[in-house]
C-alpha atoms as a PDB file:
ATOM      1  CA  UNK A   1       0.000   0.000   0.000  1.00  0.00           C
ATOM      2  CA  UNK A   2       1.296   3.456  -0.892  1.00  0.00           C
ATOM      3  CA  UNK A   3       0.409   4.735   2.556  1.00  0.00           C
ATOM      4  CA  UNK A   4       2.850   2.313   4.205  1.00  0.00           C
ATOM      5  CA  UNK A   5       5.682   3.881   2.200  1.00  0.00           C
ATOM      6  CA  UNK A   6       4.534   7.371   3.169  1.00  0.00           C
ATOM      7  CA  UNK A   7       4.369   6.365   6.832  1.00  0.00           C
ATOM      8  CA  UNK A   8       7.916   4.996   6.625  1.00  0.00           C
ATOM      9  CA  UNK A   9       9.457   8.298   5.529  1.00  0.00           C
ATOM     10  CA  UNK A  10       7.111  11.043   6.744  1.00  0.00           C
ATOM     11  CA  UNK A  11       5.817  12.259  10.073  1.00  0.00           C
ATOM     12  CA  UNK A  12       2.043  12.305   9.706  1.00  0.00           C
ATOM     13  CA  UNK A  13       0.158  14.630  12.048  1.00  0.00           C
ATOM     14  CA  UNK A  14      -3.399  13.863  11.028  1.00  0.00           C
ATOM     15  CA  UNK A  15      -5.389  12.009   8.377  1.00  0.00           C
ATOM     16  CA  UNK A  16      -8.535  13.637   6.990  1.00  0.00           C
ATOM     17  CA  UNK A  17     -10.946  11.350   5.161  1.00  0.00           C
ATOM     18  CA  UNK A  18     -14.215  11.963   3.377  1.00  0.00           C
ATOM     19  CA  UNK A  19     -17.331  10.878   5.215  1.00  0.00           C
ATOM     20  CA  UNK A  20     -18.527   9.353   1.947  1.00  0.00           C
ATOM     21  CA  UNK A  21     -15.548   6.990   1.951  1.00  0.00           C
ATOM     22  CA  UNK A  22     -16.659   5.571   5.294  1.00  0.00           C
ATOM     23  CA  UNK A  23     -20.218   5.194   4.009  1.00  0.00           C
ATOM     24  CA  UNK A  24     -19.483   3.756   0.549  1.00  0.00           C
ATOM     25  CA  UNK A  25     -16.203   1.904   1.035  1.00  0.00           C
ATOM     26  CA  UNK A  26     -15.789   1.065   4.727  1.00  0.00           C
ATOM     27  CA  UNK A  27     -13.031  -1.481   4.096  1.00  0.00           C
ATOM     28  CA  UNK A  28     -10.856   1.122   2.377  1.00  0.00           C
ATOM     29  CA  UNK A  29     -11.715   3.670   5.064  1.00  0.00           C
ATOM     30  CA  UNK A  30     -10.525   1.341   7.833  1.00  0.00           C
ATOM     31  CA  UNK A  31      -7.297   0.480   5.996  1.00  0.00           C
ATOM     32  CA  UNK A  32      -6.441   4.135   5.447  1.00  0.00           C
ATOM     33  CA  UNK A  33      -7.427   5.128   8.989  1.00  0.00           C
ATOM     34  CA  UNK A  34      -5.168   2.400  10.422  1.00  0.00           C
ATOM     35  CA  UNK A  35      -2.239   2.870   8.027  1.00  0.00           C
ATOM     36  CA  UNK A  36      -0.377   5.402  10.169  1.00  0.00           C
ATOM     37  CA  UNK A  37      -0.930   3.818  13.574  1.00  0.00           C
ATOM     38  CA  UNK A  38      -3.039   4.599  16.598  1.00  0.00           C
ATOM     39  CA  UNK A  39      -1.123   7.784  17.447  1.00  0.00           C
ATOM     40  CA  UNK A  40      -2.308   9.607  14.320  1.00  0.00           C
ATOM     41  CA  UNK A  41      -5.652  11.385  14.551  1.00  0.00           C
ATOM     42  CA  UNK A  42      -8.290  10.636  11.922  1.00  0.00           C
ATOM     43  CA  UNK A  43     -10.793  13.359  11.093  1.00  0.00           C
ATOM     44  CA  UNK A  44     -13.878  12.683   8.975  1.00  0.00           C
ATOM     45  CA  UNK A  45     -15.440  15.513   6.947  1.00  0.00           C
ATOM     46  CA  UNK A  46     -17.866  15.749   4.019  1.00  0.00           C
ATOM     47  CA  UNK A  47     -16.234  15.319   0.604  1.00  0.00           C
ATOM     48  CA  UNK A  48     -16.872  18.948  -0.382  1.00  0.00           C
ATOM     49  CA  UNK A  49     -15.090  20.127   2.786  1.00  0.00           C
ATOM     50  CA  UNK A  50     -12.180  17.786   2.099  1.00  0.00           C
ATOM     51  CA  UNK A  51     -11.744  19.274  -1.362  1.00  0.00           C
ATOM     52  CA  UNK A  52     -11.749  22.822   0.076  1.00  0.00           C
ATOM     53  CA  UNK A  53      -9.160  21.907   2.693  1.00  0.00           C
ATOM     54  CA  UNK A  54      -6.926  20.168   0.183  1.00  0.00           C
ATOM     55  CA  UNK A  55      -5.949  23.575  -1.208  1.00  0.00           C
ATOM     56  CA  UNK A  56      -4.232  24.417   2.095  1.00  0.00           C
ATOM     57  CA  UNK A  57      -2.813  21.005   3.046  1.00  0.00           C
ATOM     58  CA  UNK A  58       0.907  20.331   3.225  1.00  0.00           C
ATOM     59  CA  UNK A  59       0.454  17.002   1.418  1.00  0.00           C
ATOM     60  CA  UNK A  60      -2.454  15.391  -0.408  1.00  0.00           C
ATOM     61  CA  UNK A  61      -2.686  11.720  -1.296  1.00  0.00           C
ATOM     62  CA  UNK A  62      -5.590  11.149  -3.632  1.00  0.00           C
ATOM     63  CA  UNK A  63      -6.614   7.533  -3.876  1.00  0.00           C
ATOM     64  CA  UNK A  64      -9.779   7.620  -5.915  1.00  0.00           C
ATOM     65  CA  UNK A  65     -11.128  11.092  -6.613  1.00  0.00           C
ATOM     66  CA  UNK A  66     -11.089  11.923 -10.292  1.00  0.00           C
ATOM     67  CA  UNK A  67     -12.574  15.414  -9.964  1.00  0.00           C
ATOM     68  CA  UNK A  68     -10.476  18.515  -9.532  1.00  0.00           C
END
């Protein structure tokens, strides 16, 4: 998984995931939420909010969104 490589070389402060991911793909949501360990906070927001915040994020990893 790409996230395992990121976790190996980066210090991750927080993971922000779309609420819709939890609703429509709970298996993927759980894998991503657990990828960085229990010490990393996971915040869940609506997809539209996630897209707004992505403009200000230090790093974005897009795993399935094909809209800009």
